[in-house]
């Protein structure tokens, strides 16, 4: 057997052994998946979204299955940054896989405060900023739907951290590439997209929403074509690495995102169906490249032929 393909990628100064990351909110705090896979094989672990203070999230029911996907309205339930540092980070620091912390806040000050706290902590390699959160000072409008708001929150985090900064983009906008450019202009090292698409589901017997929150975020294979299109559009407009997210359940799915211009991918909903999905996707990418005598993943990144 010949030399294995080189799967290494670089995300805004952060070197990963392979391009497969876990999507925040679908992998707990990492240790939950220890019984199923070797966590050291992953490119990076992105933990459940964290806020300054613990959050109980929304009232149940909070999850509903849909054709080719699921709706969730968890409400960003989490243990808070201090409990994470004390109780969860020690295990993650035993791994060779980098840990990236996903953060959210209801104001720019909260984002800034989180970034400042995280900057002090060893064992956290990067920050992923969720800008799909409601800006309470703007009446609940998400930071990520407005280029100016996206710029301001990204800039505030950038000013407080030297760690790799990833901004996670919302698809619930008219032009995602416009938001992407604003985030990069404000100092983002990388962009991840897409977050969930707002949706709902109704029980026709009770005439009630299947979610207590009425609406929720749609994820899973149903959104993959939309995610792929948005990744391709964004990769044309920015010069920083783009991380593809949205319904990736196989190596073939991931490879589509690489060809569209993604440097890396995040695996989300697939983790609920198959806890070994991440490692199987890594192995599948390696096999795809080896079967075609392609020595490096970079050789196929952004190679979409648009002249068909």
C-alpha atoms as a PDB file:
ATOM      1  CA  UNK A   1       0.000   0.000   0.000  1.00  0.00           C
ATOM      2  CA  UNK A   2       1.292   3.444  -0.914  1.00  0.00           C
ATOM      3  CA  UNK A   3       1.668   6.504   1.243  1.00  0.00           C
ATOM      4  CA  UNK A   4      -1.525   7.663   2.925  1.00  0.00           C
ATOM      5  CA  UNK A   5      -3.061  10.884   1.588  1.00  0.00           C
ATOM      6  CA  UNK A   6      -2.313  14.043   3.541  1.00  0.00           C
ATOM      7  CA  UNK A   7      -5.518  15.149   5.257  1.00  0.00           C
ATOM      8  CA  UNK A   8      -3.985  18.006   7.228  1.00  0.00           C
ATOM      9  CA  UNK A   9      -5.641  21.422   7.000  1.00  0.00           C
ATOM     10  CA  UNK A  10      -5.069  24.839   8.541  1.00  0.00           C
ATOM     11  CA  UNK A  11      -7.936  26.860   9.969  1.00  0.00           C
ATOM     12  CA  UNK A  12      -6.851  30.419  10.603  1.00  0.00           C
ATOM     13  CA  UNK A  13      -3.485  29.435  12.026  1.00  0.00           C
ATOM     14  CA  UNK A  14      -4.774  26.317  13.770  1.00  0.00           C
ATOM     15  CA  UNK A  15      -3.350  23.101  12.306  1.00  0.00           C
ATOM     16  CA  UNK A  16      -5.660  20.067  12.250  1.00  0.00           C
ATOM     17  CA  UNK A  17      -4.641  16.482  11.508  1.00  0.00           C
ATOM     18  CA  UNK A  18      -7.718  16.111   9.282  1.00  0.00           C
ATOM     19  CA  UNK A  19     -10.641  18.297   8.196  1.00  0.00           C
ATOM     20  CA  UNK A  20     -13.422  16.635  10.227  1.00  0.00           C
ATOM     21  CA  UNK A  21     -14.710  18.628  13.185  1.00  0.00           C
ATOM     22  CA  UNK A  22     -17.731  18.167  15.419  1.00  0.00           C
ATOM     23  CA  UNK A  23     -20.568  20.679  15.204  1.00  0.00           C
ATOM     24  CA  UNK A  24     -21.445  22.535  18.381  1.00  0.00           C
ATOM     25  CA  UNK A  25     -24.573  21.288  20.121  1.00  0.00           C
ATOM     26  CA  UNK A  26     -24.345  17.791  18.653  1.00  0.00           C
ATOM     27  CA  UNK A  27     -21.329  16.364  20.484  1.00  0.00           C
ATOM     28  CA  UNK A  28     -21.884  17.456  24.065  1.00  0.00           C
ATOM     29  CA  UNK A  29     -18.627  18.414  25.729  1.00  0.00           C
ATOM     30  CA  UNK A  30     -16.687  15.642  23.965  1.00  0.00           C
ATOM     31  CA  UNK A  31     -16.355  13.051  26.715  1.00  0.00           C
ATOM     32  CA  UNK A  32     -19.873  11.765  26.022  1.00  0.00           C
ATOM     33  CA  UNK A  33     -18.579  10.155  22.818  1.00  0.00           C
ATOM     34  CA  UNK A  34     -15.547   8.487  24.404  1.00  0.00           C
ATOM     35  CA  UNK A  35     -17.291   5.053  24.541  1.00  0.00           C
ATOM     36  CA  UNK A  36     -17.878   5.107  20.777  1.00  0.00           C
ATOM     37  CA  UNK A  37     -14.793   6.532  19.062  1.00  0.00           C
ATOM     38  CA  UNK A  38     -11.161   7.439  19.594  1.00  0.00           C
ATOM     39  CA  UNK A  39     -11.489  11.190  20.126  1.00  0.00           C
ATOM     40  CA  UNK A  40      -7.826  11.651  19.185  1.00  0.00           C
ATOM     41  CA  UNK A  41      -8.692  10.790  15.579  1.00  0.00           C
ATOM     42  CA  UNK A  42     -10.835  13.888  15.111  1.00  0.00           C
ATOM     43  CA  UNK A  43      -9.643  17.079  13.472  1.00  0.00           C
ATOM     44  CA  UNK A  44     -11.156  19.211  16.235  1.00  0.00           C
ATOM     45  CA  UNK A  45     -13.875  19.067  18.859  1.00  0.00           C
ATOM     46  CA  UNK A  46     -16.262  22.009  19.033  1.00  0.00           C
ATOM     47  CA  UNK A  47     -18.172  21.819  22.285  1.00  0.00           C
ATOM     48  CA  UNK A  48     -21.753  22.686  23.105  1.00  0.00           C
ATOM     49  CA  UNK A  49     -22.351  26.447  22.982  1.00  0.00           C
ATOM     50  CA  UNK A  50     -21.353  28.299  26.147  1.00  0.00           C
ATOM     51  CA  UNK A  51     -22.562  31.501  27.755  1.00  0.00           C
ATOM     52  CA  UNK A  52     -21.189  33.560  30.648  1.00  0.00           C
ATOM     53  CA  UNK A  53     -23.806  32.135  33.014  1.00  0.00           C
ATOM     54  CA  UNK A  54     -25.489  28.695  33.003  1.00  0.00           C
ATOM     55  CA  UNK A  55     -28.694  28.469  30.941  1.00  0.00           C
ATOM     56  CA  UNK A  56     -31.606  26.049  31.289  1.00  0.00           C
ATOM     57  CA  UNK A  57     -32.693  26.561  27.690  1.00  0.00           C
ATOM     58  CA  UNK A  58     -36.252  26.308  26.443  1.00  0.00           C
ATOM     59  CA  UNK A  59     -39.148  24.305  27.853  1.00  0.00           C
ATOM     60  CA  UNK A  60     -39.771  20.824  26.357  1.00  0.00           C
ATOM     61  CA  UNK A  61     -40.641  19.437  23.933  1.00  0.00           C
ATOM     62  CA  UNK A  62     -37.484  20.744  22.284  1.00  0.00           C
ATOM     63  CA  UNK A  63     -36.798  18.238  19.491  1.00  0.00           C
ATOM     64  CA  UNK A  64     -38.978  16.985  16.637  1.00  0.00           C
ATOM     65  CA  UNK A  65     -38.049  14.592  13.847  1.00  0.00           C
ATOM     66  CA  UNK A  66     -38.708  15.746  10.286  1.00  0.00           C
ATOM     67  CA  UNK A  67     -38.263  14.131   6.856  1.00  0.00           C
ATOM     68  CA  UNK A  68     -34.485  13.870   6.335  1.00  0.00           C
ATOM     69  CA  UNK A  69     -33.703  15.906   9.412  1.00  0.00           C
ATOM     70  CA  UNK A  70     -34.770  17.291  12.754  1.00  0.00           C
ATOM     71  CA  UNK A  71     -36.000  20.471  14.382  1.00  0.00           C
ATOM     72  CA  UNK A  72     -34.495  21.622  17.647  1.00  0.00           C
ATOM     73  CA  UNK A  73     -35.322  24.434  20.017  1.00  0.00           C
ATOM     74  CA  UNK A  74     -32.957  23.532  22.834  1.00  0.00           C
ATOM     75  CA  UNK A  75     -32.430  27.197  23.567  1.00  0.00           C
ATOM     76  CA  UNK A  76     -28.657  26.889  23.977  1.00  0.00           C
ATOM     77  CA  UNK A  77     -28.851  25.075  27.321  1.00  0.00           C
ATOM     78  CA  UNK A  78     -25.373  24.891  28.855  1.00  0.00           C
ATOM     79  CA  UNK A  79     -23.422  24.789  32.113  1.00  0.00           C
ATOM     80  CA  UNK A  80     -21.752  28.186  31.675  1.00  0.00           C
ATOM     81  CA  UNK A  81     -18.124  29.016  30.980  1.00  0.00           C
ATOM     82  CA  UNK A  82     -16.824  28.653  34.557  1.00  0.00           C
ATOM     83  CA  UNK A  83     -18.295  25.167  35.059  1.00  0.00           C
ATOM     84  CA  UNK A  84     -16.944  24.156  31.655  1.00  0.00           C
ATOM     85  CA  UNK A  85     -13.436  25.269  32.583  1.00  0.00           C
ATOM     86  CA  UNK A  86     -13.610  23.493  35.945  1.00  0.00           C
ATOM     87  CA  UNK A  87     -15.453  20.276  35.066  1.00  0.00           C
ATOM     88  CA  UNK A  88     -15.170  19.591  31.328  1.00  0.00           C
ATOM     89  CA  UNK A  89     -11.927  21.105  30.082  1.00  0.00           C
ATOM     90  CA  UNK A  90      -9.595  18.895  32.189  1.00  0.00           C
ATOM     91  CA  UNK A  91     -10.656  15.819  30.203  1.00  0.00           C
ATOM     92  CA  UNK A  92     -10.396  17.608  26.861  1.00  0.00           C
ATOM     93  CA  UNK A  93      -6.847  18.705  27.716  1.00  0.00           C
ATOM     94  CA  UNK A  94      -5.795  15.042  27.861  1.00  0.00           C
ATOM     95  CA  UNK A  95      -6.541  14.681  24.129  1.00  0.00           C
ATOM     96  CA  UNK A  96      -4.291  15.477  21.174  1.00  0.00           C
ATOM     97  CA  UNK A  97      -7.340  16.849  19.368  1.00  0.00           C
ATOM     98  CA  UNK A  98      -7.751  20.646  19.610  1.00  0.00           C
ATOM     99  CA  UNK A  99     -10.736  21.980  21.551  1.00  0.00           C
ATOM    100  CA  UNK A 100     -12.714  24.882  20.123  1.00  0.00           C
ATOM    101  CA  UNK A 101     -15.289  26.660  22.278  1.00  0.00           C
ATOM    102  CA  UNK A 102     -18.538  27.871  20.726  1.00  0.00           C
ATOM    103  CA  UNK A 103     -19.819  31.022  22.437  1.00  0.00           C
ATOM    104  CA  UNK A 104     -22.995  33.061  22.400  1.00  0.00           C
ATOM    105  CA  UNK A 105     -24.345  36.129  24.139  1.00  0.00           C
ATOM    106  CA  UNK A 106     -27.359  38.403  24.162  1.00  0.00           C
ATOM    107  CA  UNK A 107     -25.227  41.518  23.922  1.00  0.00           C
ATOM    108  CA  UNK A 108     -21.845  42.474  22.512  1.00  0.00           C
ATOM    109  CA  UNK A 109     -20.573  42.910  26.062  1.00  0.00           C
ATOM    110  CA  UNK A 110     -21.391  39.263  26.830  1.00  0.00           C
ATOM    111  CA  UNK A 111     -19.485  38.058  23.753  1.00  0.00           C
ATOM    112  CA  UNK A 112     -16.560  40.274  24.673  1.00  0.00           C
ATOM    113  CA  UNK A 113     -16.562  39.053  28.268  1.00  0.00           C
ATOM    114  CA  UNK A 114     -16.535  35.412  27.175  1.00  0.00           C
ATOM    115  CA  UNK A 115     -13.655  35.989  24.784  1.00  0.00           C
ATOM    116  CA  UNK A 116     -11.653  37.773  27.472  1.00  0.00           C
ATOM    117  CA  UNK A 117     -12.173  34.898  29.922  1.00  0.00           C
ATOM    118  CA  UNK A 118     -11.287  32.236  27.365  1.00  0.00           C
ATOM    119  CA  UNK A 119      -8.122  34.058  26.346  1.00  0.00           C
ATOM    120  CA  UNK A 120      -6.703  33.354  29.813  1.00  0.00           C
ATOM    121  CA  UNK A 121      -7.276  29.591  29.569  1.00  0.00           C
ATOM    122  CA  UNK A 122      -4.791  27.015  28.288  1.00  0.00           C
ATOM    123  CA  UNK A 123      -6.221  24.032  26.424  1.00  0.00           C
ATOM    124  CA  UNK A 124      -8.660  26.001  24.287  1.00  0.00           C
ATOM    125  CA  UNK A 125      -7.323  26.387  20.758  1.00  0.00           C
ATOM    126  CA  UNK A 126     -10.014  28.523  19.233  1.00  0.00           C
ATOM    127  CA  UNK A 127     -13.333  30.306  19.580  1.00  0.00           C
ATOM    128  CA  UNK A 128     -16.358  29.826  17.339  1.00  0.00           C
ATOM    129  CA  UNK A 129     -18.745  32.761  17.614  1.00  0.00           C
ATOM    130  CA  UNK A 130     -22.421  31.964  17.139  1.00  0.00           C
ATOM    131  CA  UNK A 131     -23.918  35.159  15.718  1.00  0.00           C
ATOM    132  CA  UNK A 132     -27.384  33.659  15.290  1.00  0.00           C
ATOM    133  CA  UNK A 133     -28.260  34.776  18.836  1.00  0.00           C
ATOM    134  CA  UNK A 134     -30.804  37.511  19.648  1.00  0.00           C
ATOM    135  CA  UNK A 135     -29.382  40.955  20.279  1.00  0.00           C
ATOM    136  CA  UNK A 136     -31.519  42.123  23.216  1.00  0.00           C
ATOM    137  CA  UNK A 137     -30.653  45.763  22.570  1.00  0.00           C
ATOM    138  CA  UNK A 138     -32.040  45.421  19.039  1.00  0.00           C
ATOM    139  CA  UNK A 139     -35.355  43.873  20.083  1.00  0.00           C
ATOM    140  CA  UNK A 140     -34.332  40.264  19.532  1.00  0.00           C
ATOM    141  CA  UNK A 141     -32.862  40.565  16.044  1.00  0.00           C
ATOM    142  CA  UNK A 142     -29.984  38.125  15.568  1.00  0.00           C
ATOM    143  CA  UNK A 143     -26.506  39.635  15.247  1.00  0.00           C
ATOM    144  CA  UNK A 144     -25.880  37.544  12.149  1.00  0.00           C
ATOM    145  CA  UNK A 145     -28.652  38.925   9.958  1.00  0.00           C
ATOM    146  CA  UNK A 146     -27.135  42.386   9.655  1.00  0.00           C
ATOM    147  CA  UNK A 147     -23.646  43.097   8.251  1.00  0.00           C
ATOM    148  CA  UNK A 148     -23.043  45.964  10.695  1.00  0.00           C
ATOM    149  CA  UNK A 149     -24.052  43.901  13.743  1.00  0.00           C
ATOM    150  CA  UNK A 150     -21.961  40.961  12.527  1.00  0.00           C
ATOM    151  CA  UNK A 151     -18.979  43.293  12.158  1.00  0.00           C
ATOM    152  CA  UNK A 152     -19.410  44.787  15.630  1.00  0.00           C
ATOM    153  CA  UNK A 153     -19.669  41.496  17.527  1.00  0.00           C
ATOM    154  CA  UNK A 154     -16.787  39.929  15.589  1.00  0.00           C
ATOM    155  CA  UNK A 155     -14.598  42.979  16.198  1.00  0.00           C
ATOM    156  CA  UNK A 156     -15.431  42.948  19.916  1.00  0.00           C
ATOM    157  CA  UNK A 157     -14.343  39.305  20.216  1.00  0.00           C
ATOM    158  CA  UNK A 158     -11.260  39.840  18.053  1.00  0.00           C
ATOM    159  CA  UNK A 159     -10.080  42.630  20.340  1.00  0.00           C
ATOM    160  CA  UNK A 160     -10.150  40.261  23.338  1.00  0.00           C
ATOM    161  CA  UNK A 161      -8.501  37.143  21.929  1.00  0.00           C
ATOM    162  CA  UNK A 162      -5.457  36.017  20.016  1.00  0.00           C
ATOM    163  CA  UNK A 163      -6.862  32.496  19.599  1.00  0.00           C
ATOM    164  CA  UNK A 164      -8.150  31.267  16.238  1.00  0.00           C
ATOM    165  CA  UNK A 165     -11.472  33.014  15.649  1.00  0.00           C
ATOM    166  CA  UNK A 166     -14.225  31.289  13.680  1.00  0.00           C
ATOM    167  CA  UNK A 167     -17.543  33.031  13.035  1.00  0.00           C
ATOM    168  CA  UNK A 168     -20.562  30.774  12.536  1.00  0.00           C
ATOM    169  CA  UNK A 169     -23.009  32.240  10.042  1.00  0.00           C
ATOM    170  CA  UNK A 170     -26.798  32.078   9.962  1.00  0.00           C
ATOM    171  CA  UNK A 171     -28.473  31.002   6.695  1.00  0.00           C
ATOM    172  CA  UNK A 172     -31.597  32.995   7.568  1.00  0.00           C
ATOM    173  CA  UNK A 173     -30.453  35.982   5.513  1.00  0.00           C
ATOM    174  CA  UNK A 174     -30.856  37.304   1.976  1.00  0.00           C
ATOM    175  CA  UNK A 175     -27.134  37.226   1.095  1.00  0.00           C
ATOM    176  CA  UNK A 176     -24.876  35.185   3.379  1.00  0.00           C
ATOM    177  CA  UNK A 177     -21.733  36.275   1.548  1.00  0.00           C
ATOM    178  CA  UNK A 178     -22.392  39.891   2.573  1.00  0.00           C
ATOM    179  CA  UNK A 179     -22.395  38.853   6.247  1.00  0.00           C
ATOM    180  CA  UNK A 180     -19.289  36.736   5.620  1.00  0.00           C
ATOM    181  CA  UNK A 181     -17.323  39.673   4.222  1.00  0.00           C
ATOM    182  CA  UNK A 182     -18.279  41.818   7.221  1.00  0.00           C
ATOM    183  CA  UNK A 183     -17.074  39.150   9.656  1.00  0.00           C
ATOM    184  CA  UNK A 184     -13.763  38.796   7.828  1.00  0.00           C
ATOM    185  CA  UNK A 185     -13.289  42.555   7.696  1.00  0.00           C
ATOM    186  CA  UNK A 186     -13.757  42.586  11.484  1.00  0.00           C
ATOM    187  CA  UNK A 187     -11.008  40.030  12.027  1.00  0.00           C
ATOM    188  CA  UNK A 188     -12.468  36.533  11.632  1.00  0.00           C
ATOM    189  CA  UNK A 189      -9.784  33.953  10.837  1.00  0.00           C
ATOM    190  CA  UNK A 190     -12.331  31.504   9.437  1.00  0.00           C
ATOM    191  CA  UNK A 191     -16.060  31.133   8.781  1.00  0.00           C
ATOM    192  CA  UNK A 192     -18.327  28.173   9.512  1.00  0.00           C
ATOM    193  CA  UNK A 193     -21.660  27.754   7.755  1.00  0.00           C
ATOM    194  CA  UNK A 194     -24.450  27.081   7.879  1.00  0.00           C
ATOM    195  CA  UNK A 195     -26.269  27.199  11.178  1.00  0.00           C
ATOM    196  CA  UNK A 196     -29.795  25.756  11.252  1.00  0.00           C
ATOM    197  CA  UNK A 197     -32.647  27.066   9.116  1.00  0.00           C
ATOM    198  CA  UNK A 198     -35.724  28.300  10.973  1.00  0.00           C
ATOM    199  CA  UNK A 199     -38.657  25.905  10.606  1.00  0.00           C
ATOM    200  CA  UNK A 200     -41.659  24.409  12.364  1.00  0.00           C
ATOM    201  CA  UNK A 201     -43.798  21.278  12.545  1.00  0.00           C
ATOM    202  CA  UNK A 202     -47.451  20.909  13.618  1.00  0.00           C
ATOM    203  CA  UNK A 203     -49.304  17.960  15.128  1.00  0.00           C
ATOM    204  CA  UNK A 204     -52.580  18.008  13.187  1.00  0.00           C
ATOM    205  CA  UNK A 205     -54.428  16.035  15.895  1.00  0.00           C
ATOM    206  CA  UNK A 206     -53.728  18.531  18.661  1.00  0.00           C
ATOM    207  CA  UNK A 207     -53.224  21.504  16.332  1.00  0.00           C
ATOM    208  CA  UNK A 208     -50.182  22.401  18.362  1.00  0.00           C
ATOM    209  CA  UNK A 209     -46.565  22.889  17.375  1.00  0.00           C
ATOM    210  CA  UNK A 210     -44.372  19.874  18.064  1.00  0.00           C
ATOM    211  CA  UNK A 211     -42.001  22.294  19.788  1.00  0.00           C
ATOM    212  CA  UNK A 212     -42.913  24.298  22.877  1.00  0.00           C
ATOM    213  CA  UNK A 213     -40.995  27.189  21.319  1.00  0.00           C
ATOM    214  CA  UNK A 214     -43.254  26.931  18.203  1.00  0.00           C
ATOM    215  CA  UNK A 215     -40.313  27.301  15.806  1.00  0.00           C
ATOM    216  CA  UNK A 216     -36.882  25.691  15.845  1.00  0.00           C
ATOM    217  CA  UNK A 217     -33.750  25.111  13.834  1.00  0.00           C
ATOM    218  CA  UNK A 218     -33.902  22.609  10.987  1.00  0.00           C
ATOM    219  CA  UNK A 219     -30.792  20.472  10.484  1.00  0.00           C
ATOM    220  CA  UNK A 220     -29.872  17.225   8.747  1.00  0.00           C
ATOM    221  CA  UNK A 221     -29.627  16.039   5.129  1.00  0.00           C
ATOM    222  CA  UNK A 222     -32.671  18.113   4.136  1.00  0.00           C
ATOM    223  CA  UNK A 223     -30.624  21.311   4.337  1.00  0.00           C
ATOM    224  CA  UNK A 224     -27.434  19.998   2.704  1.00  0.00           C
ATOM    225  CA  UNK A 225     -28.069  21.399  -0.816  1.00  0.00           C
ATOM    226  CA  UNK A 226     -28.720  24.835   0.680  1.00  0.00           C
ATOM    227  CA  UNK A 227     -25.596  24.631   2.838  1.00  0.00           C
ATOM    228  CA  UNK A 228     -23.494  23.509  -0.105  1.00  0.00           C
ATOM    229  CA  UNK A 229     -24.701  26.422  -2.217  1.00  0.00           C
ATOM    230  CA  UNK A 230     -23.977  28.936   0.545  1.00  0.00           C
ATOM    231  CA  UNK A 231     -20.500  27.506   1.183  1.00  0.00           C
ATOM    232  CA  UNK A 232     -19.699  27.768  -2.518  1.00  0.00           C
ATOM    233  CA  UNK A 233     -20.981  31.370  -2.678  1.00  0.00           C
ATOM    234  CA  UNK A 234     -19.032  32.375   0.409  1.00  0.00           C
ATOM    235  CA  UNK A 235     -15.801  30.709  -0.684  1.00  0.00           C
ATOM    236  CA  UNK A 236     -15.869  32.897  -3.806  1.00  0.00           C
ATOM    237  CA  UNK A 237     -16.011  36.084  -1.737  1.00  0.00           C
ATOM    238  CA  UNK A 238     -13.533  35.578   1.117  1.00  0.00           C
ATOM    239  CA  UNK A 239      -9.889  34.553   1.389  1.00  0.00           C
ATOM    240  CA  UNK A 240     -10.126  32.885   4.810  1.00  0.00           C
ATOM    241  CA  UNK A 241     -10.862  29.164   5.293  1.00  0.00           C
ATOM    242  CA  UNK A 242     -14.523  28.194   5.072  1.00  0.00           C
ATOM    243  CA  UNK A 243     -15.882  25.323   7.171  1.00  0.00           C
ATOM    244  CA  UNK A 244     -18.904  23.553   5.702  1.00  0.00           C
ATOM    245  CA  UNK A 245     -21.810  22.438   7.883  1.00  0.00           C
ATOM    246  CA  UNK A 246     -25.217  21.055   7.005  1.00  0.00           C
ATOM    247  CA  UNK A 247     -26.488  17.501   6.685  1.00  0.00           C
ATOM    248  CA  UNK A 248     -23.133  15.793   6.180  1.00  0.00           C
ATOM    249  CA  UNK A 249     -23.603  12.099   6.977  1.00  0.00           C
ATOM    250  CA  UNK A 250     -20.995  10.446   4.727  1.00  0.00           C
ATOM    251  CA  UNK A 251     -17.558  10.987   3.226  1.00  0.00           C
ATOM    252  CA  UNK A 252     -19.208  11.649  -0.131  1.00  0.00           C
ATOM    253  CA  UNK A 253     -21.206  14.485   1.393  1.00  0.00           C
ATOM    254  CA  UNK A 254     -18.069  15.993   2.912  1.00  0.00           C
ATOM    255  CA  UNK A 255     -16.177  15.752  -0.371  1.00  0.00           C
ATOM    256  CA  UNK A 256     -18.899  17.772  -2.099  1.00  0.00           C
ATOM    257  CA  UNK A 257     -18.188  20.589   0.359  1.00  0.00           C
ATOM    258  CA  UNK A 258     -14.431  20.407  -0.276  1.00  0.00           C
ATOM    259  CA  UNK A 259     -14.945  20.629  -4.024  1.00  0.00           C
ATOM    260  CA  UNK A 260     -17.252  23.612  -3.432  1.00  0.00           C
ATOM    261  CA  UNK A 261     -14.449  25.393  -1.575  1.00  0.00           C
ATOM    262  CA  UNK A 262     -14.622  24.295   2.066  1.00  0.00           C
ATOM    263  CA  UNK A 263     -11.315  23.713   3.836  1.00  0.00           C
ATOM    264  CA  UNK A 264     -12.939  21.615   6.578  1.00  0.00           C
ATOM    265  CA  UNK A 265     -16.353  20.321   7.609  1.00  0.00           C
ATOM    266  CA  UNK A 266     -18.363  19.913  10.784  1.00  0.00           C
ATOM    267  CA  UNK A 267     -20.507  16.862  11.494  1.00  0.00           C
ATOM    268  CA  UNK A 268     -23.710  17.585  13.397  1.00  0.00           C
ATOM    269  CA  UNK A 269     -27.038  15.762  13.225  1.00  0.00           C
ATOM    270  CA  UNK A 270     -25.303  12.596  11.972  1.00  0.00           C
ATOM    271  CA  UNK A 271     -23.820  12.186  15.464  1.00  0.00           C
ATOM    272  CA  UNK A 272     -27.297  11.530  16.866  1.00  0.00           C
ATOM    273  CA  UNK A 273     -27.962   8.776  14.344  1.00  0.00           C
ATOM    274  CA  UNK A 274     -24.494   7.226  14.262  1.00  0.00           C
ATOM    275  CA  UNK A 275     -22.053   8.110  17.067  1.00  0.00           C
ATOM    276  CA  UNK A 276     -19.196   6.777  14.915  1.00  0.00           C
ATOM    277  CA  UNK A 277     -20.052   9.041  11.967  1.00  0.00           C
ATOM    278  CA  UNK A 278     -17.073  11.382  12.361  1.00  0.00           C
ATOM    279  CA  UNK A 279     -14.436   8.634  12.242  1.00  0.00           C
ATOM    280  CA  UNK A 280     -16.199   6.817   9.405  1.00  0.00           C
ATOM    281  CA  UNK A 281     -16.210  10.053   7.397  1.00  0.00           C
ATOM    282  CA  UNK A 282     -12.485  10.578   8.025  1.00  0.00           C
ATOM    283  CA  UNK A 283     -11.764   7.034   6.800  1.00  0.00           C
ATOM    284  CA  UNK A 284     -14.010   7.542   3.773  1.00  0.00           C
ATOM    285  CA  UNK A 285     -12.249  10.767   2.753  1.00  0.00           C
ATOM    286  CA  UNK A 286      -8.888   9.035   3.015  1.00  0.00           C
ATOM    287  CA  UNK A 287     -10.111   6.135   0.874  1.00  0.00           C
ATOM    288  CA  UNK A 288     -11.577   8.479  -1.762  1.00  0.00           C
ATOM    289  CA  UNK A 289      -8.237  10.231  -2.165  1.00  0.00           C
ATOM    290  CA  UNK A 290      -6.182   7.016  -2.090  1.00  0.00           C
ATOM    291  CA  UNK A 291      -8.377   5.326  -4.710  1.00  0.00           C
ATOM    292  CA  UNK A 292      -7.726   8.247  -7.049  1.00  0.00           C
ATOM    293  CA  UNK A 293      -4.010   8.580  -6.265  1.00  0.00           C
ATOM    294  CA  UNK A 294      -4.590  12.047  -4.858  1.00  0.00           C
ATOM    295  CA  UNK A 295      -1.823  12.799  -2.374  1.00  0.00           C
ATOM    296  CA  UNK A 296      -3.412  15.702  -0.517  1.00  0.00           C
ATOM    297  CA  UNK A 297      -6.889  16.963   0.297  1.00  0.00           C
ATOM    298  CA  UNK A 298      -5.845  20.411  -0.856  1.00  0.00           C
ATOM    299  CA  UNK A 299      -5.695  19.084  -4.441  1.00  0.00           C
ATOM    300  CA  UNK A 300      -9.494  18.876  -4.618  1.00  0.00           C
ATOM    301  CA  UNK A 301     -10.414  21.893  -2.493  1.00  0.00           C
ATOM    302  CA  UNK A 302     -12.307  24.495  -4.495  1.00  0.00           C
ATOM    303  CA  UNK A 303     -12.073  22.567  -7.758  1.00  0.00           C
ATOM    304  CA  UNK A 304     -15.721  22.777  -8.815  1.00  0.00           C
ATOM    305  CA  UNK A 305     -15.987  22.815 -12.612  1.00  0.00           C
ATOM    306  CA  UNK A 306     -18.624  25.440 -13.431  1.00  0.00           C
ATOM    307  CA  UNK A 307     -18.267  25.027 -17.186  1.00  0.00           C
ATOM    308  CA  UNK A 308     -20.385  21.886 -17.408  1.00  0.00           C
END
